[in-house]
Amino acid sequence: MSGADIKEVVKEKYSQAALRVSSGGSSCCGATPGSGCGDPITSNLYDASQAQQIPEEALLASLGCGNPTALAKLSPGEVVLDLGSGGGIDVLLSAKRVGPTGKAYGLDMTDEMLALANENKRKAGVENVEFLKGEIEHIPLPDDCVDVVISNCVINLSADKDRVLREALRVLKPGGRFAVSDVVTRGEMPAEIRQSALLWVGCVAGALEENEYRSKLASAGFEKIEIEPTRIYRIEDAREFLSGQNIDVNAIAPQVDGKFMSAFVRAVKPQRTEPCCGPTCCP
């Protein structure tokens, strides 16, 4: 599939998820225990204390694979950007952590998700939040303006991950942190999975192999790169997220056992090196 085709499939799926939540339904992701959502990637990511801080619709619209706000170190006064912010759950939680002197931006390309996010912002009564329309490959913010870039199972959906990582580096301040949850793989992935558009949307087929992820971050200019597994998926998990995709699950499942994982990916933008000022500061 072309990058444009992938983008349209992703946009349609996320638009429909937002509309279901807005009409009183659920995206069946990020649901609370006992709600009937059995997705092994997206369920049970937020604890009760976090759920109480945000509108229910923000939780119901979550399509993430981790909880970057729980793992990222956010301090009062910082500026945070969430790439692919969806219904706004991670933006709203980040805004509370950075406080009134900080700010949280959410970037999304889907009108329906942006409308839902702004409604959730209104219900939450949070002022230090701004939702932007745009693509994560073309972030509509100036250079060196963000302290932390977060994202929740969105970068793997992009067909141009190198561009996304370069853009993340560009908007981060020197010393700024990249702190995202994403699905990554270990070793080769069966071709049948990458060929399914629905699995791109389901955060599987677009996942990078962990060493390739490290390489792309380094090529973009990041340093101090770490990938920490948060959930590793086994054969039975694979049966759940591969069923209904016109794939021979019995044949594929043994090949993916332990090869898919949700991970917390950390990296840092290097501090800017000042030009030499004269003989006293030069070797």
Protein backbone atom coordinates (compact mmCIF):
# COMPACT_ATOMS: atom_id res chain seq x y z
CA MET A 1 0.00 0.00 0.00
CA SER A 2 1.09 3.57 -0.63
CA GLY A 3 1.57 5.99 2.23
CA ALA A 4 -1.52 7.91 1.07
CA ASP A 5 -3.62 4.73 1.09
CA ILE A 6 -2.48 3.82 4.59
CA LYS A 7 -3.25 7.33 5.82
CA GLU A 8 -6.79 7.20 4.43
CA VAL A 9 -7.48 3.80 6.01
CA VAL A 10 -6.19 5.02 9.37
CA LYS A 11 -8.19 8.26 9.15
CA GLU A 12 -11.40 6.40 8.34
CA LYS A 13 -10.98 3.90 11.18
CA TYR A 14 -10.24 6.60 13.76
CA SER A 15 -13.07 8.80 12.50
CA GLN A 16 -15.51 5.94 12.99
CA ALA A 17 -14.14 5.24 16.46
CA ALA A 18 -14.68 8.88 17.46
CA LEU A 19 -18.22 8.87 16.10
CA ARG A 20 -19.07 5.71 18.04
CA VAL A 21 -17.86 7.27 21.29
CA SER A 22 -19.66 10.56 20.58
CA SER A 23 -22.91 8.64 20.07
CA GLY A 24 -22.58 6.85 23.39
CA GLY A 25 -20.67 3.76 22.29
CA SER A 26 -17.07 2.65 22.72
CA SER A 27 -14.07 2.21 20.48
CA CYS A 28 -13.53 -1.00 22.50
CA CYS A 29 -10.08 0.25 23.42
CA GLY A 30 -8.78 1.53 26.73
CA ALA A 31 -11.84 0.06 28.38
CA THR A 32 -12.05 -0.72 32.07
CA PRO A 33 -11.88 -4.30 33.38
CA GLY A 34 -15.11 -6.24 32.93
CA SER A 35 -16.36 -4.03 30.11
CA GLY A 36 -16.10 -6.81 27.54
CA CYS A 37 -13.21 -5.40 25.53
CA GLY A 38 -10.70 -8.20 25.15
CA ASP A 39 -8.09 -6.44 23.02
CA PRO A 40 -4.75 -7.49 24.57
CA ILE A 41 -2.98 -4.38 23.26
CA THR A 42 -5.30 -1.54 24.19
CA SER A 43 -7.19 -2.61 27.31
CA ASN A 44 -6.54 -1.76 30.98
CA LEU A 45 -3.88 0.91 30.41
CA TYR A 46 -5.13 3.56 32.84
CA ASP A 47 -5.70 3.05 36.54
CA ALA A 48 -8.74 4.21 38.48
CA SER A 49 -7.07 7.37 39.80
CA GLN A 50 -6.26 8.50 36.26
CA ALA A 51 -9.73 7.61 34.98
CA GLN A 52 -11.25 9.86 37.63
CA GLN A 53 -9.31 12.87 36.32
CA ILE A 54 -10.81 12.85 32.83
CA PRO A 55 -14.22 12.57 31.10
CA GLU A 56 -15.38 9.02 30.45
CA GLU A 57 -15.44 9.71 26.70
CA ALA A 58 -11.69 10.38 26.70
CA LEU A 59 -11.09 6.94 28.20
CA LEU A 60 -13.54 5.21 25.86
CA ALA A 61 -11.85 6.78 22.82
CA SER A 62 -8.37 5.63 23.80
CA LEU A 63 -6.77 3.53 21.06
CA GLY A 64 -3.32 3.43 22.63
CA CYS A 65 -1.00 0.57 23.49
CA GLY A 66 0.56 2.06 26.63
CA ASN A 67 0.41 4.87 29.13
CA PRO A 68 3.12 7.41 28.27
CA THR A 69 1.85 9.88 30.87
CA ALA A 70 2.56 7.35 33.62
CA LEU A 71 6.07 6.62 32.36
CA ALA A 72 7.24 10.04 31.15
CA LYS A 73 8.72 12.43 33.68
CA LEU A 74 6.64 15.59 33.38
CA SER A 75 7.34 18.63 35.56
CA PRO A 76 5.30 21.76 36.33
CA GLY A 77 5.78 24.45 33.71
CA GLU A 78 6.80 22.12 30.87
CA VAL A 79 5.33 22.10 27.36
CA VAL A 80 4.16 18.69 26.12
CA LEU A 81 3.12 17.60 22.62
CA ASP A 82 1.09 14.44 22.01
CA LEU A 83 1.43 13.09 18.45
CA GLY A 84 -1.87 11.57 17.34
CA SER A 85 -3.84 12.71 20.36
CA GLY A 86 -7.20 11.12 19.48
CA GLY A 87 -9.87 11.81 22.09
CA GLY A 88 -7.34 13.66 24.23
CA ILE A 89 -6.77 11.31 27.16
CA ASP A 90 -2.98 11.70 27.32
CA VAL A 91 -3.14 15.45 26.63
CA LEU A 92 -5.57 16.03 29.50
CA LEU A 93 -3.55 13.89 31.90
CA SER A 94 -0.33 15.66 30.84
CA ALA A 95 -1.93 19.08 31.30
CA LYS A 96 -2.73 18.25 34.90
CA ARG A 97 0.86 17.17 35.55
CA VAL A 98 2.52 20.24 34.01
CA GLY A 99 0.07 22.52 35.80
CA PRO A 100 -1.20 25.99 34.89
CA THR A 101 2.28 27.30 34.12
CA GLY A 102 2.79 24.54 31.54
CA LYS A 103 0.91 23.57 28.40
CA ALA A 104 -0.15 20.42 26.58
CA TYR A 105 -0.68 20.30 22.82
CA GLY A 106 -2.50 17.51 21.02
CA LEU A 107 -2.01 16.94 17.30
CA ASP A 108 -4.45 14.89 15.23
CA MET A 109 -5.46 14.71 11.57
CA THR A 110 -9.01 13.49 12.15
CA ASP A 111 -11.80 16.08 12.44
CA GLU A 112 -14.03 13.74 14.43
CA MET A 113 -11.33 13.01 17.00
CA LEU A 114 -10.48 16.71 17.30
CA ALA A 115 -14.14 17.52 17.94
CA LEU A 116 -14.33 14.81 20.60
CA ALA A 117 -11.06 15.99 22.18
CA ASN A 118 -12.24 19.58 22.41
CA GLU A 119 -15.49 18.46 23.99
CA ASN A 120 -13.50 16.40 26.51
CA LYS A 121 -11.35 19.47 27.20
CA ARG A 122 -14.51 21.47 27.93
CA LYS A 123 -15.89 18.79 30.25
CA ALA A 124 -12.57 18.49 32.08
CA GLY A 125 -12.39 22.26 32.59
CA VAL A 126 -8.72 22.32 31.63
CA GLU A 127 -7.36 25.62 30.25
CA ASN A 128 -3.72 24.80 29.46
CA VAL A 129 -4.58 22.55 26.49
CA GLU A 130 -4.66 23.20 22.76
CA PHE A 131 -5.63 20.69 20.07
CA LEU A 132 -4.10 21.21 16.63
CA LYS A 133 -5.15 19.75 13.30
CA GLY A 134 -2.30 18.31 11.30
CA GLU A 135 -0.20 15.29 10.45
CA ILE A 136 2.59 13.94 12.61
CA GLU A 137 4.87 14.04 9.56
CA HIS A 138 4.35 17.84 9.40
CA ILE A 139 4.01 19.21 12.93
CA PRO A 140 2.50 22.73 12.87
CA LEU A 141 4.74 24.13 15.60
CA PRO A 142 8.04 26.10 15.44
CA ASP A 143 11.50 24.74 16.16
CA ASP A 144 12.71 24.25 19.75
CA CYS A 145 9.36 24.90 21.46
CA VAL A 146 8.47 21.66 23.28
CA ASP A 147 10.00 20.02 26.35
CA VAL A 148 8.50 16.56 25.87
CA VAL A 149 7.04 14.72 22.87
CA ILE A 150 4.71 11.86 23.80
CA SER A 151 2.64 9.53 21.64
CA ASN A 152 0.51 6.47 22.24
CA CYS A 153 0.61 3.78 19.57
CA VAL A 154 0.50 6.23 16.64
CA ILE A 155 4.02 6.47 15.19
CA ASN A 156 3.78 2.84 14.05
CA LEU A 157 0.81 3.86 11.88
CA SER A 158 2.87 6.29 9.81
CA ALA A 159 4.29 5.20 6.48
CA ASP A 160 7.12 7.76 6.87
CA LYS A 161 8.49 7.19 10.34
CA ASP A 162 11.81 8.84 9.51
CA ARG A 163 9.98 12.10 8.80
CA VAL A 164 7.99 11.79 12.03
CA LEU A 165 11.14 11.35 14.10
CA ARG A 166 12.91 14.26 12.39
CA GLU A 167 9.89 16.46 13.07
CA ALA A 168 9.80 15.39 16.70
CA LEU A 169 13.47 16.31 17.04
CA ARG A 170 12.88 19.67 15.33
CA VAL A 171 10.14 20.85 17.70
CA LEU A 172 11.91 19.65 20.85
CA LYS A 173 14.06 22.10 22.75
CA PRO A 174 17.73 21.12 23.18
CA GLY A 175 17.72 18.53 25.95
CA GLY A 176 14.05 17.80 25.31
CA ARG A 177 12.70 14.27 25.71
CA PHE A 178 11.01 11.84 23.36
CA ALA A 179 8.82 9.52 25.48
CA VAL A 180 6.34 7.41 23.54
CA SER A 181 4.45 4.16 23.86
CA ASP A 182 4.48 2.11 20.67
CA VAL A 183 4.18 -1.42 19.36
CA VAL A 184 7.53 -2.84 18.27
CA THR A 185 8.66 -6.23 17.05
CA ARG A 186 11.58 -8.56 17.66
CA GLY A 187 12.92 -10.30 14.59
CA GLU A 188 11.23 -10.73 11.22
CA MET A 189 7.45 -10.30 10.86
CA PRO A 190 5.40 -12.54 8.51
CA ALA A 191 4.61 -10.78 5.23
CA GLU A 192 0.91 -11.61 5.55
CA ILE A 193 0.61 -9.23 8.50
CA ARG A 194 2.27 -6.25 6.85
CA GLN A 195 0.00 -6.67 3.82
CA SER A 196 -3.20 -6.10 5.80
CA ALA A 197 -4.45 -2.53 5.98
CA LEU A 198 -6.66 -3.38 8.93
CA LEU A 199 -3.62 -4.52 10.87
CA TRP A 200 -1.89 -1.19 10.17
CA VAL A 201 -4.86 0.43 11.88
CA GLY A 202 -4.69 -2.18 14.64
CA CYS A 203 -1.13 -1.10 15.46
CA VAL A 204 0.52 -4.31 14.35
CA ALA A 205 1.62 -4.30 10.72
CA GLY A 206 3.32 -0.92 10.88
CA ALA A 207 5.42 -1.74 13.91
CA LEU A 208 9.19 -1.32 13.61
CA GLU A 209 11.66 -3.99 14.68
CA GLU A 210 13.26 -2.73 17.90
CA ASN A 211 16.78 -2.39 16.49
CA GLU A 212 15.43 -0.57 13.44
CA TYR A 213 13.60 1.81 15.79
CA ARG A 214 16.86 2.55 17.59
CA SER A 215 18.61 3.12 14.27
CA LYS A 216 15.94 5.50 13.00
CA LEU A 217 16.02 7.52 16.22
CA ALA A 218 19.80 7.80 16.02
CA SER A 219 19.66 8.79 12.34
CA ALA A 220 17.14 11.51 13.19
CA GLY A 221 19.64 12.93 15.70
CA PHE A 222 18.47 11.55 19.05
CA GLU A 223 20.73 10.20 21.77
CA LYS A 224 20.28 8.21 25.02
CA ILE A 225 17.89 5.83 23.24
CA GLU A 226 16.12 3.19 25.32
CA ILE A 227 13.36 0.70 24.49
CA GLU A 228 11.63 -0.84 27.50
CA PRO A 229 9.04 -3.59 26.92
CA THR A 230 5.78 -3.01 28.81
CA ARG A 231 3.68 -5.89 27.41
CA ILE A 232 4.89 -8.89 25.41
CA TYR A 233 2.23 -10.70 23.38
CA ARG A 234 2.03 -14.47 23.24
CA ILE A 235 0.33 -16.88 20.85
CA GLU A 236 -3.11 -16.54 22.43
CA ASP A 237 -2.87 -12.76 22.19
CA ALA A 238 -2.01 -13.16 18.53
CA ARG A 239 -5.07 -15.30 17.98
CA GLU A 240 -7.24 -12.46 19.28
CA PHE A 241 -5.78 -9.61 17.26
CA LEU A 242 -5.33 -11.66 14.05
CA SER A 243 -8.78 -13.24 14.01
CA GLY A 244 -11.17 -11.92 11.41
CA GLN A 245 -8.38 -10.55 9.19
CA ASN A 246 -8.51 -13.29 6.50
CA ILE A 247 -5.27 -14.70 7.88
CA ASP A 248 -4.58 -18.32 8.78
CA VAL A 249 -4.23 -17.75 12.51
CA ASN A 250 -3.09 -21.29 13.22
CA ALA A 251 -0.22 -20.89 10.77
CA ILE A 252 0.77 -17.36 11.81
CA ALA A 253 0.37 -17.49 15.60
CA PRO A 254 3.44 -19.68 16.30
CA GLN A 255 5.54 -17.30 14.19
CA VAL A 256 4.57 -14.24 16.23
CA ASP A 257 4.76 -15.73 19.73
CA GLY A 258 6.76 -13.25 21.80
CA LYS A 259 7.73 -11.15 18.77
CA PHE A 260 5.22 -8.33 19.32
CA MET A 261 5.41 -6.06 22.31
CA SER A 262 4.21 -2.74 23.57
CA ALA A 263 7.20 -0.72 24.63
CA PHE A 264 8.11 2.62 26.14
CA VAL A 265 10.58 4.32 23.82
CA ARG A 266 12.81 7.05 25.28
CA ALA A 267 15.33 9.35 23.65
CA VAL A 268 16.79 12.82 24.15
CA LYS A 269 17.54 15.70 21.80
CA PRO A 270 21.20 16.66 22.30
CA GLN A 271 22.02 19.93 23.98
CA ARG A 272 23.06 22.56 21.47
CA THR A 273 26.82 22.96 21.20
CA GLU A 274 27.72 26.64 21.34
CA PRO A 275 30.21 27.92 18.74
CA CYS A 276 33.73 28.62 19.88
CA CYS A 277 34.01 32.11 21.36
CA GLY A 278 37.79 32.58 21.27
CA PRO A 279 41.11 31.19 22.48
CA THR A 280 39.90 30.75 26.08
CA CYS A 281 37.23 28.21 25.11
CA CYS A 282 38.94 26.39 22.25
CA PRO A 283 41.33 23.44 22.67
